[in-house]
């Protein structure tokens, strides 16, 4: 395995921070960026600033650019499609063009929200059919990667990513915090997905890069469960009471953007390349509990 120079856009977030960790463990040279918060060791960067992105890609001498920067709030995308698309689509084009200029590959993180949630779990060859703005932006960003970097892109579709992160915004982090404080949390019992440990995702992404994978891959946990069952499993893993978890329908939550219900993904193609299975729910939660900060 050769040592690579990597740039991680959005390194302060859940996915990006675990890409940094995985890169360091493999001995790669890596620079990370942040935008919404000031994080020691990370370079401030707005991916909408084309000049700044191109300069940073050149200055780092990146062989590989990981694009994990995003405006990920699904309801915010529905409320402000133009503003969020400037990040979620325009920012991807900026990074892809900068990577092309220096001959670098780019890894882009997409989502199972590109599907309608009618017939999950999905494989890479299933037709996309997003039902909300966030999914439409991911479809558009994937198209940008294929257009700008036809032979030098790696699109990783991910879903229900959880793990330790500085901001504590992901589902399990919010659940642990709420139950630890004696609070209650309403959880949709009719949303099925494939919970994915961020640690496992970061490792798998680098394993695919190190094997020179190109194209589109699904990288998700092995188990497909509903969100309520996942919440209860997380509570048990952390020794927290399950009584504070209230199962509801997605409709009862009154969210602005529709969610795919019968979703989740199969990762057989990625597993064949990396030579190992992705972690299931119980194994992933066990790893997270052992590493919780």
Protein backbone atom coordinates (compact mmCIF):
# COMPACT_ATOMS: atom_id res chain seq x y z
CA UNK A 1 0.00 0.00 0.00
CA UNK A 2 1.54 3.30 -1.10
CA UNK A 3 1.43 6.38 1.08
CA UNK A 4 -1.04 8.93 -0.26
CA UNK A 5 -1.68 12.63 0.19
CA UNK A 6 -5.32 13.19 1.02
CA UNK A 7 -7.58 16.19 1.52
CA UNK A 8 -10.78 15.68 3.51
CA UNK A 9 -13.38 18.38 2.89
CA UNK A 10 -15.77 18.49 5.82
CA UNK A 11 -13.39 16.84 8.29
CA UNK A 12 -15.15 18.28 11.35
CA UNK A 13 -18.27 16.18 10.72
CA UNK A 14 -19.08 12.60 11.57
CA UNK A 15 -17.89 10.98 8.34
CA UNK A 16 -14.98 13.36 7.78
CA UNK A 17 -13.52 12.95 11.25
CA UNK A 18 -13.42 9.18 10.87
CA UNK A 19 -11.77 9.52 7.46
CA UNK A 20 -9.01 11.50 9.20
CA UNK A 21 -8.63 8.82 11.86
CA UNK A 22 -8.48 6.01 9.30
CA UNK A 23 -5.93 7.92 7.20
CA UNK A 24 -3.65 8.51 10.18
CA UNK A 25 -3.79 4.84 11.17
CA UNK A 26 -2.71 3.88 7.65
CA UNK A 27 0.18 6.33 7.56
CA UNK A 28 -1.29 8.55 4.86
CA UNK A 29 -0.60 12.30 4.80
CA UNK A 30 -3.91 14.07 5.33
CA UNK A 31 -5.26 17.61 5.64
CA UNK A 32 -8.81 18.28 6.80
CA UNK A 33 -11.12 21.28 6.52
CA UNK A 34 -14.03 22.67 8.52
CA UNK A 35 -16.51 25.44 7.89
CA UNK A 36 -19.25 25.86 10.51
CA UNK A 37 -16.94 25.52 13.50
CA UNK A 38 -13.35 26.37 14.39
CA UNK A 39 -11.56 23.07 15.04
CA UNK A 40 -7.88 23.00 16.00
CA UNK A 41 -5.77 21.36 13.32
CA UNK A 42 -8.33 21.83 10.55
CA UNK A 43 -8.19 24.42 7.75
CA UNK A 44 -11.18 26.80 7.55
CA UNK A 45 -12.84 26.44 4.14
CA UNK A 46 -16.16 27.22 2.47
CA UNK A 47 -16.60 24.74 -0.39
CA UNK A 48 -18.60 27.38 -2.27
CA UNK A 49 -15.41 29.45 -2.62
CA UNK A 50 -13.94 28.08 -5.83
CA UNK A 51 -10.67 29.98 -5.65
CA UNK A 52 -10.02 28.83 -2.08
CA UNK A 53 -10.85 25.21 -2.90
CA UNK A 54 -8.58 25.16 -5.96
CA UNK A 55 -5.72 26.74 -4.04
CA UNK A 56 -6.00 24.27 -1.17
CA UNK A 57 -6.11 21.27 -3.51
CA UNK A 58 -2.99 22.55 -5.27
CA UNK A 59 -1.16 23.47 -2.06
CA UNK A 60 -1.77 20.11 -0.40
CA UNK A 61 -0.65 18.18 -3.46
CA UNK A 62 -3.59 15.87 -2.91
CA UNK A 63 -3.69 12.52 -4.69
CA UNK A 64 -7.19 11.92 -3.37
CA UNK A 65 -9.92 14.38 -2.34
CA UNK A 66 -12.64 13.15 -0.01
CA UNK A 67 -15.78 15.26 -0.28
CA UNK A 68 -17.68 14.84 2.99
CA UNK A 69 -18.72 18.49 3.29
CA UNK A 70 -22.48 19.00 3.02
CA UNK A 71 -25.58 20.80 4.15
CA UNK A 72 -27.13 17.57 5.48
CA UNK A 73 -30.33 18.76 7.16
CA UNK A 74 -33.05 17.18 5.04
CA UNK A 75 -35.78 19.60 6.12
CA UNK A 76 -33.50 22.61 5.59
CA UNK A 77 -32.90 21.44 2.02
CA UNK A 78 -36.65 21.31 1.48
CA UNK A 79 -37.07 24.82 2.89
CA UNK A 80 -34.11 26.39 1.06
CA UNK A 81 -33.30 24.33 -2.05
CA UNK A 82 -31.23 27.04 -3.73
CA UNK A 83 -29.08 27.85 -0.72
CA UNK A 84 -28.39 24.23 0.21
CA UNK A 85 -27.75 23.21 -3.40
CA UNK A 86 -24.95 25.76 -3.53
CA UNK A 87 -23.14 23.53 -1.02
CA UNK A 88 -24.47 20.09 -1.90
CA UNK A 89 -24.16 20.38 -5.67
CA UNK A 90 -22.15 23.51 -6.43
CA UNK A 91 -19.52 22.65 -3.83
CA UNK A 92 -19.13 19.18 -5.31
CA UNK A 93 -18.57 20.61 -8.79
CA UNK A 94 -15.96 23.02 -7.44
CA UNK A 95 -14.06 20.23 -5.70
CA UNK A 96 -14.32 17.87 -8.67
CA UNK A 97 -12.98 20.49 -11.08
CA UNK A 98 -10.13 21.28 -8.67
CA UNK A 99 -9.29 17.57 -8.43
CA UNK A 100 -9.32 17.27 -12.22
CA UNK A 101 -6.88 20.17 -12.56
CA UNK A 102 -4.24 18.36 -10.48
CA UNK A 103 -5.01 14.82 -11.63
CA UNK A 104 -6.43 13.70 -8.28
CA UNK A 105 -9.20 11.19 -7.64
CA UNK A 106 -12.29 12.23 -5.68
CA UNK A 107 -14.43 10.28 -3.23
CA UNK A 108 -17.94 11.69 -2.85
CA UNK A 109 -20.36 10.64 -0.12
CA UNK A 110 -23.92 10.23 -1.33
CA UNK A 111 -26.98 8.74 0.36
CA UNK A 112 -29.74 6.14 0.13
CA UNK A 113 -32.05 9.15 -0.12
CA UNK A 114 -31.43 8.95 -3.88
CA UNK A 115 -34.04 6.15 -3.73
CA UNK A 116 -37.77 6.45 -3.05
CA UNK A 117 -37.93 3.92 -0.21
CA UNK A 118 -40.50 1.72 -1.90
CA UNK A 119 -38.43 -1.43 -2.50
CA UNK A 120 -35.38 -1.48 -0.27
CA UNK A 121 -32.80 -2.68 0.43
CA UNK A 122 -31.20 -1.26 -2.70
CA UNK A 123 -28.20 -2.25 -4.80
CA UNK A 124 -26.10 0.01 -7.01
CA UNK A 125 -27.96 -0.86 -10.21
CA UNK A 126 -31.41 0.06 -8.87
CA UNK A 127 -32.85 3.21 -10.51
CA UNK A 128 -32.71 6.39 -8.45
CA UNK A 129 -35.98 8.16 -7.68
CA UNK A 130 -35.60 10.72 -4.86
CA UNK A 131 -38.75 11.97 -3.13
CA UNK A 132 -37.28 15.07 -1.45
CA UNK A 133 -34.89 17.92 -2.27
CA UNK A 134 -31.95 16.43 -0.37
CA UNK A 135 -32.12 13.26 -2.46
CA UNK A 136 -32.44 15.27 -5.68
CA UNK A 137 -29.32 17.22 -4.74
CA UNK A 138 -27.40 13.98 -4.11
CA UNK A 139 -28.47 12.63 -7.51
CA UNK A 140 -27.30 15.88 -9.14
CA UNK A 141 -23.98 15.77 -7.27
CA UNK A 142 -23.38 12.17 -8.32
CA UNK A 143 -23.94 13.24 -11.93
CA UNK A 144 -21.39 16.02 -11.49
CA UNK A 145 -18.77 13.52 -10.29
CA UNK A 146 -19.37 11.27 -13.29
CA UNK A 147 -19.27 14.22 -15.70
CA UNK A 148 -16.19 16.00 -14.37
CA UNK A 149 -14.16 12.95 -13.30
CA UNK A 150 -15.45 10.10 -15.47
CA UNK A 151 -12.52 7.81 -14.70
CA UNK A 152 -11.39 9.23 -11.36
CA UNK A 153 -14.42 9.25 -9.07
CA UNK A 154 -15.58 6.99 -6.27
CA UNK A 155 -19.19 7.56 -5.15
CA UNK A 156 -20.04 5.99 -1.80
CA UNK A 157 -23.73 5.89 -0.89
CA UNK A 158 -24.15 5.72 2.88
CA UNK A 159 -27.09 5.61 5.28
CA UNK A 160 -27.98 6.03 8.98
CA UNK A 161 -24.38 6.77 9.89
CA UNK A 162 -23.77 6.89 13.64
CA UNK A 163 -20.76 7.21 15.92
CA UNK A 164 -18.81 9.55 18.14
CA UNK A 165 -18.47 13.09 16.79
CA UNK A 166 -17.56 16.46 18.24
CA UNK A 167 -20.98 17.96 17.47
CA UNK A 168 -23.02 14.99 18.70
CA UNK A 169 -25.72 15.44 16.04
CA UNK A 170 -26.18 11.88 14.78
CA UNK A 171 -29.06 9.68 15.89
CA UNK A 172 -27.25 7.54 18.46
CA UNK A 173 -25.44 10.50 20.01
CA UNK A 174 -28.73 12.37 20.46
CA UNK A 175 -30.42 9.25 21.82
CA UNK A 176 -27.67 8.58 24.38
CA UNK A 177 -27.69 12.21 25.49
CA UNK A 178 -31.48 12.35 25.80
CA UNK A 179 -31.88 9.07 27.69
CA UNK A 180 -28.91 9.83 29.96
CA UNK A 181 -30.63 13.05 31.01
CA UNK A 182 -33.89 11.23 31.72
CA UNK A 183 -35.64 12.57 28.66
CA UNK A 184 -37.84 10.91 26.05
CA UNK A 185 -37.32 10.58 22.32
CA UNK A 186 -39.89 9.88 19.61
CA UNK A 187 -38.55 7.47 17.01
CA UNK A 188 -40.18 6.46 13.71
CA UNK A 189 -41.06 2.77 13.76
CA UNK A 190 -41.88 2.68 10.04
CA UNK A 191 -38.49 3.76 8.66
CA UNK A 192 -36.23 0.85 7.67
CA UNK A 193 -32.54 1.38 6.98
CA UNK A 194 -29.04 -0.04 7.37
CA UNK A 195 -27.32 1.59 10.38
CA UNK A 196 -23.63 2.18 9.66
CA UNK A 197 -20.89 2.75 12.24
CA UNK A 198 -18.78 5.76 11.22
CA UNK A 199 -15.59 3.97 12.27
CA UNK A 200 -16.44 1.08 9.94
CA UNK A 201 -17.36 3.46 7.13
CA UNK A 202 -14.09 5.38 7.44
CA UNK A 203 -12.10 2.16 7.28
CA UNK A 204 -14.12 0.81 4.34
CA UNK A 205 -13.73 4.05 2.39
CA UNK A 206 -9.95 3.90 2.73
CA UNK A 207 -9.89 0.18 1.93
CA UNK A 208 -11.71 0.92 -1.33
CA UNK A 209 -9.32 3.78 -2.12
CA UNK A 210 -6.26 1.66 -1.35
CA UNK A 211 -7.61 -0.96 -3.78
CA UNK A 212 -8.11 1.71 -6.46
CA UNK A 213 -11.88 1.21 -6.62
CA UNK A 214 -13.77 3.46 -9.04
CA UNK A 215 -17.47 4.01 -9.70
CA UNK A 216 -20.45 3.73 -7.36
CA UNK A 217 -20.59 1.57 -4.23
CA UNK A 218 -23.05 1.14 -1.38
CA UNK A 219 -21.27 1.13 1.98
CA UNK A 220 -23.73 0.37 4.78
CA UNK A 221 -24.13 -1.84 7.83
CA UNK A 222 -25.10 -5.47 7.25
CA UNK A 223 -28.36 -5.36 9.22
CA UNK A 224 -31.53 -3.75 7.92
CA UNK A 225 -33.79 -2.73 10.81
CA UNK A 226 -36.46 -0.16 11.60
CA UNK A 227 -35.40 2.94 13.47
CA UNK A 228 -37.26 1.94 16.65
CA UNK A 229 -35.48 -1.41 16.88
CA UNK A 230 -32.16 0.35 16.30
CA UNK A 231 -32.91 2.86 19.06
CA UNK A 232 -33.71 0.10 21.51
CA UNK A 233 -30.52 -1.76 20.58
CA UNK A 234 -28.50 1.42 21.16
CA UNK A 235 -30.11 1.95 24.56
CA UNK A 236 -29.24 -1.60 25.59
CA UNK A 237 -25.65 -1.21 24.36
CA UNK A 238 -25.19 1.85 26.57
CA UNK A 239 -27.09 0.43 29.54
CA UNK A 240 -29.83 3.05 29.27
CA UNK A 241 -33.57 2.59 29.91
CA UNK A 242 -35.66 1.82 26.84
CA UNK A 243 -38.78 3.30 28.44
CA UNK A 244 -37.92 6.76 27.16
CA UNK A 245 -38.10 5.61 23.55
CA UNK A 246 -41.51 6.18 22.02
CA UNK A 247 -42.30 4.54 18.69
CA UNK A 248 -44.35 6.68 16.30
CA UNK A 249 -45.08 6.85 12.59
CA UNK A 250 -43.07 9.11 10.32
CA UNK A 251 -46.26 11.05 9.57
CA UNK A 252 -46.70 11.82 13.28
CA UNK A 253 -43.33 13.59 13.35
CA UNK A 254 -44.65 16.25 10.97
CA UNK A 255 -41.35 16.74 9.15
CA UNK A 256 -41.20 19.09 6.17
CA UNK A 257 -39.44 16.68 3.80
CA UNK A 258 -40.76 13.19 3.03
CA UNK A 259 -38.54 10.29 4.08
CA UNK A 260 -37.98 6.99 2.25
CA UNK A 261 -39.55 4.34 4.49
CA UNK A 262 -38.64 0.95 3.01
CA UNK A 263 -35.00 1.87 2.44
CA UNK A 264 -31.56 0.53 3.36
CA UNK A 265 -28.84 -0.78 1.06
CA UNK A 266 -26.90 -3.92 0.27
CA UNK A 267 -23.09 -3.61 0.33
CA UNK A 268 -22.10 -6.84 -1.37
CA UNK A 269 -20.17 -5.09 -4.13
CA UNK A 270 -18.03 -3.13 -1.66
CA UNK A 271 -17.56 -6.13 0.61
CA UNK A 272 -16.25 -8.17 -2.32
CA UNK A 273 -13.59 -5.54 -2.97
CA UNK A 274 -12.49 -4.95 0.63
CA UNK A 275 -12.67 -8.65 1.46
CA UNK A 276 -14.70 -8.40 4.66
CA UNK A 277 -18.30 -7.82 5.79
CA UNK A 278 -19.53 -4.52 7.11
CA UNK A 279 -20.53 -4.56 10.78
CA UNK A 280 -24.09 -5.29 11.84
CA UNK A 281 -26.05 -3.36 14.47
CA UNK A 282 -24.96 -5.18 17.63
CA UNK A 283 -21.29 -5.41 16.59
CA UNK A 284 -21.21 -1.76 15.56
CA UNK A 285 -22.82 -0.54 18.77
CA UNK A 286 -20.41 -2.67 20.79
CA UNK A 287 -17.44 -1.03 19.07
CA UNK A 288 -18.94 2.42 19.61
CA UNK A 289 -19.57 1.78 23.30
CA UNK A 290 -15.98 0.64 23.81
CA UNK A 291 -14.65 3.80 22.12
CA UNK A 292 -17.16 6.32 23.50
CA UNK A 293 -15.40 9.47 24.73
